[in-house]
């Protein structure tokens, strides 16, 4: 389904089934090795295009509510089509700029987008008082050092760092769990 949509509107540069499974789906569900999403969580996925990690997480956590926010109509329409085709009842897509959203969430996810300073600055007000950011990143010592400074500024703690590779010669990936305190 993703590959067909991708032919129409270019959601990803990865164009083969094995690559989509390994680099998108497997990467998305890696979160299950870090944290268990509770059924009462309201999770918002921001800016991550296509449908990753949103739809794999929604498919593997059917009791958790997911919201996806993106400003680009073609991507929101594509994801809404996939949600309908997959019969997912725990996902809603909203077309909006992140800074215009007035809803609150327990968890925000962002996968392979923006530098951490922008993610936190633009999404800080979307989180409930004491909840989490889940950031899927390629590991970078510079970004990590910058993140520590940003966390101090915004009173955020780094709760977990989960380093992993999807295959032997893969880049070093990391999932950060940040907590608003």
Foldseek 3Di string as FASTA:
>chain_A
DLLVLCVVPNQDPDRDPVCCCLVFLVLLCCCVVPDDDDLDFEEEEEDATSQPPPPSVCVVRVSHAYEYEEQDPSRLVSVVVVCVVVVRPRYYYDHDDLQPDQAAGQEYEYEADDQPLCVCVSNVNRYDQKHKYKYKYQDDPVSVVVVVVSCVVQVKDFDDWDWDASDDPGGIIIITIIIRD
